[in-house]
Amino acid sequence: MIQENLFTQDDQQGLEVILSEHPEVRILWARRPGLKSPVEINGINPILHVMVESIAENQINSPEILEVRENFERLEKSGLSKHAARAAIAEILMVHMFDVMKYQKPFDKEKYVRQLIMLGKDSGKRGRNEPCPCGSGLKLKRCCVSVKEGIKVSPFAGRLVLGQGNYFLDADMPDIDGPLHPIL
């Protein structure tokens, strides 16, 4: 059973932003307390996607790590949509959350910020034994090799492809309240 109250009241704003951008997940999100196992559609867990993007949205709007907001704005100025810029940040965040959860490592804020600064910047061709472009002083293989591909940003970052065929616009969204709808 998935925990029902995953977000505090302060976190709710970020969650609402993400759910407004992913209306196809709103009903699935509401039904998550009754889910007996993780949901995966086309290799993507839409619940996890919403949660991680919500955390990134809350970081962007929080004064705790100002560099998140600064890098979000930099990515937007480079031509990315808000959604794609936030998704790029969320991808780096996921790598750090994985280390925290799987290996019980403390969250490395300094490394996280260094990697955010590298987002969208061309680090050139670097071998694993060359210095890491984040400026840590370590070799790439000992530092940021796990996010090397994630540092390349895409205007399509953060898009969910939960089915085949055409996407529905908000106005054309089918009624997915029925319990037999294939998305549920």
Protein backbone atom coordinates (compact mmCIF):
# COMPACT_ATOMS: atom_id res chain seq x y z
CA MET A 1 0.00 0.00 0.00
CA ILE A 2 1.38 3.40 -0.96
CA GLN A 3 1.52 5.97 1.84
CA GLU A 4 -1.41 8.40 1.66
CA ASN A 5 0.06 11.64 3.03
CA LEU A 6 3.34 11.97 1.17
CA PHE A 7 3.25 15.76 0.89
CA THR A 8 2.94 18.40 3.58
CA GLN A 9 0.72 21.44 3.10
CA ASP A 10 3.77 23.47 1.95
CA ASP A 11 4.58 20.81 -0.65
CA GLN A 12 1.04 20.91 -2.03
CA GLN A 13 1.70 23.95 -4.26
CA GLY A 14 4.41 22.18 -6.23
CA LEU A 15 2.23 19.10 -6.53
CA GLU A 16 -0.68 21.11 -7.92
CA VAL A 17 1.59 22.73 -10.53
CA ILE A 18 2.78 19.33 -11.72
CA LEU A 19 -0.68 17.78 -11.75
CA SER A 20 -1.95 20.74 -13.79
CA GLU A 21 0.76 19.99 -16.35
CA HIS A 22 -0.05 16.26 -16.30
CA PRO A 23 -3.87 16.09 -16.17
CA GLU A 24 -3.69 12.52 -17.48
CA VAL A 25 -2.17 11.48 -14.14
CA ARG A 26 -4.52 13.38 -11.79
CA ILE A 27 -7.01 10.53 -11.32
CA LEU A 28 -4.26 7.94 -11.00
CA TRP A 29 -2.64 10.20 -8.36
CA ALA A 30 -5.93 10.40 -6.45
CA ARG A 31 -6.23 6.62 -6.51
CA ARG A 32 -2.67 5.91 -5.37
CA PRO A 33 -3.66 4.97 -1.78
CA GLY A 34 -5.49 1.95 -3.18
CA LEU A 35 -2.67 0.78 -5.41
CA LYS A 36 -1.16 -2.50 -4.30
CA SER A 37 2.02 -2.15 -6.37
CA PRO A 38 3.89 0.50 -8.34
CA VAL A 39 2.33 1.51 -11.65
CA GLU A 40 4.43 1.38 -14.79
CA ILE A 41 3.23 2.58 -18.17
CA ASN A 42 5.63 2.37 -21.12
CA GLY A 43 8.53 1.96 -18.70
CA ILE A 44 7.59 5.04 -16.67
CA ASN A 45 6.14 5.21 -13.17
CA PRO A 46 3.83 8.25 -13.52
CA ILE A 47 3.37 8.54 -9.74
CA LEU A 48 7.14 8.73 -9.20
CA HIS A 49 7.43 11.18 -12.10
CA VAL A 50 4.88 13.51 -10.47
CA MET A 51 6.54 13.19 -7.06
CA VAL A 52 10.06 13.99 -8.28
CA GLU A 53 8.94 16.90 -10.44
CA SER A 54 6.94 18.21 -7.46
CA ILE A 55 10.04 18.11 -5.28
CA ALA A 56 12.00 19.95 -7.99
CA GLU A 57 9.20 22.56 -8.27
CA ASN A 58 9.27 23.08 -4.52
CA GLN A 59 13.07 23.46 -4.57
CA ILE A 60 12.78 26.05 -7.35
CA ASN A 61 10.42 28.09 -5.19
CA SER A 62 12.28 27.59 -1.91
CA PRO A 63 14.92 29.92 -0.52
CA GLU A 64 16.89 26.94 0.89
CA ILE A 65 18.94 26.20 -2.24
CA LEU A 66 18.97 29.41 -4.26
CA GLU A 67 21.13 27.82 -6.95
CA VAL A 68 18.18 25.63 -7.99
CA ARG A 69 16.14 28.73 -8.87
CA GLU A 70 19.11 30.41 -10.56
CA ASN A 71 19.78 27.38 -12.76
CA PHE A 72 16.08 26.98 -13.54
CA GLU A 73 15.99 30.59 -14.77
CA ARG A 74 19.21 30.10 -16.74
CA LEU A 75 17.74 27.04 -18.49
CA GLU A 76 14.56 28.98 -19.29
CA LYS A 77 16.60 31.84 -20.77
CA SER A 78 18.42 29.30 -22.94
CA GLY A 79 15.09 28.46 -24.58
CA LEU A 80 13.70 25.59 -22.53
CA SER A 81 10.09 25.62 -21.40
CA LYS A 82 9.44 25.78 -17.66
CA HIS A 83 8.47 22.12 -17.77
CA ALA A 84 11.64 21.03 -19.59
CA ALA A 85 13.88 23.15 -17.32
CA ARG A 86 12.27 21.68 -14.20
CA ALA A 87 12.52 18.14 -15.63
CA ALA A 88 16.25 18.61 -16.24
CA ILE A 89 16.66 19.60 -12.59
CA ALA A 90 14.49 16.64 -11.52
CA GLU A 91 16.72 14.24 -13.47
CA ILE A 92 19.79 15.38 -11.53
CA LEU A 93 17.77 15.27 -8.30
CA MET A 94 16.78 11.63 -8.99
CA VAL A 95 20.43 10.55 -9.12
CA HIS A 96 21.01 12.11 -5.70
CA MET A 97 17.79 10.69 -4.24
CA PHE A 98 18.81 7.23 -5.46
CA ASP A 99 22.10 7.44 -3.56
CA VAL A 100 20.32 8.67 -0.43
CA MET A 101 17.68 5.95 -0.51
CA LYS A 102 19.69 2.94 -1.75
CA TYR A 103 23.04 3.56 -0.07
CA GLN A 104 21.83 5.67 2.89
CA LYS A 105 24.32 8.38 1.90
CA PRO A 106 23.63 11.88 3.15
CA PHE A 107 22.33 14.31 0.51
CA ASP A 108 25.39 16.04 -0.97
CA LYS A 109 24.09 19.57 -1.52
CA GLU A 110 27.41 20.89 -2.86
CA LYS A 111 27.68 18.15 -5.49
CA TYR A 112 24.01 18.62 -6.42
CA VAL A 113 24.56 22.35 -6.96
CA ARG A 114 27.75 21.74 -9.01
CA GLN A 115 25.83 19.37 -11.26
CA LEU A 116 22.94 21.79 -11.64
CA ILE A 117 25.40 24.45 -12.80
CA MET A 118 26.62 22.03 -15.49
CA LEU A 119 23.09 21.47 -16.86
CA GLY A 120 22.91 22.40 -20.52
CA LYS A 121 26.57 23.38 -20.74
CA ASP A 122 28.85 21.64 -23.21
CA SER A 123 31.49 19.87 -21.19
CA GLY A 124 33.21 18.65 -24.33
CA LYS A 125 34.54 15.18 -24.82
CA ARG A 126 36.05 14.11 -21.56
CA GLY A 127 37.54 10.78 -20.69
CA ARG A 128 36.70 9.10 -17.41
CA ASN A 129 40.19 9.87 -16.07
CA GLU A 130 40.08 13.60 -16.87
CA PRO A 131 39.09 16.20 -14.27
CA CYS A 132 35.36 16.50 -13.74
CA PRO A 133 33.89 19.63 -15.37
CA CYS A 134 31.89 20.40 -12.20
CA GLY A 135 35.02 21.75 -10.53
CA SER A 136 35.24 19.24 -7.68
CA GLY A 137 38.86 18.44 -8.45
CA LEU A 138 38.04 14.73 -8.79
CA LYS A 139 38.31 12.59 -11.89
CA LEU A 140 35.08 12.37 -13.89
CA LYS A 141 34.75 8.65 -13.09
CA ARG A 142 34.80 9.41 -9.34
CA CYS A 143 32.42 12.36 -9.53
CA CYS A 144 29.77 13.09 -12.14
CA VAL A 145 29.95 10.14 -14.52
CA SER A 146 26.50 8.98 -13.31
CA VAL A 147 24.90 12.23 -14.53
CA LYS A 148 26.99 12.79 -17.65
CA GLU A 149 24.05 12.03 -19.96
CA GLY A 150 21.56 13.86 -17.71
CA ILE A 151 23.48 17.09 -18.07
CA LYS A 152 22.44 17.26 -21.71
CA VAL A 153 19.04 18.95 -21.65
CA SER A 154 16.20 18.41 -24.08
CA PRO A 155 13.17 20.55 -24.86
CA PHE A 156 11.18 17.32 -24.48
CA ALA A 157 12.39 16.58 -20.95
CA GLY A 158 9.64 15.75 -18.50
CA ARG A 159 7.05 14.68 -21.04
CA LEU A 160 5.09 11.60 -20.14
CA VAL A 161 4.22 9.21 -22.93
CA LEU A 162 1.65 7.02 -21.26
CA GLY A 163 -0.01 5.61 -24.33
CA GLN A 164 0.21 5.38 -28.06
CA GLY A 165 -1.35 7.66 -30.62
CA ASN A 166 -2.32 11.28 -30.31
CA TYR A 167 -2.08 13.39 -27.21
CA PHE A 168 -5.27 14.91 -25.89
CA LEU A 169 -5.54 18.63 -25.30
CA ASP A 170 -7.20 19.67 -22.04
CA ALA A 171 -10.41 20.50 -23.92
CA ASP A 172 -10.43 17.09 -25.61
CA MET A 173 -9.53 15.06 -22.52
CA PRO A 174 -11.71 11.96 -22.37
CA ASP A 175 -13.67 11.08 -19.26
CA ILE A 176 -11.34 8.80 -17.32
CA ASP A 177 -13.43 8.64 -14.17
CA GLY A 178 -14.78 5.21 -15.04
CA PRO A 179 -13.12 2.30 -13.20
CA LEU A 180 -12.66 0.34 -16.44
CA HIS A 181 -10.77 3.05 -18.33
CA PRO A 182 -7.48 1.62 -19.71
CA ILE A 183 -5.30 4.30 -18.07
CA LEU A 184 -6.42 3.04 -14.68
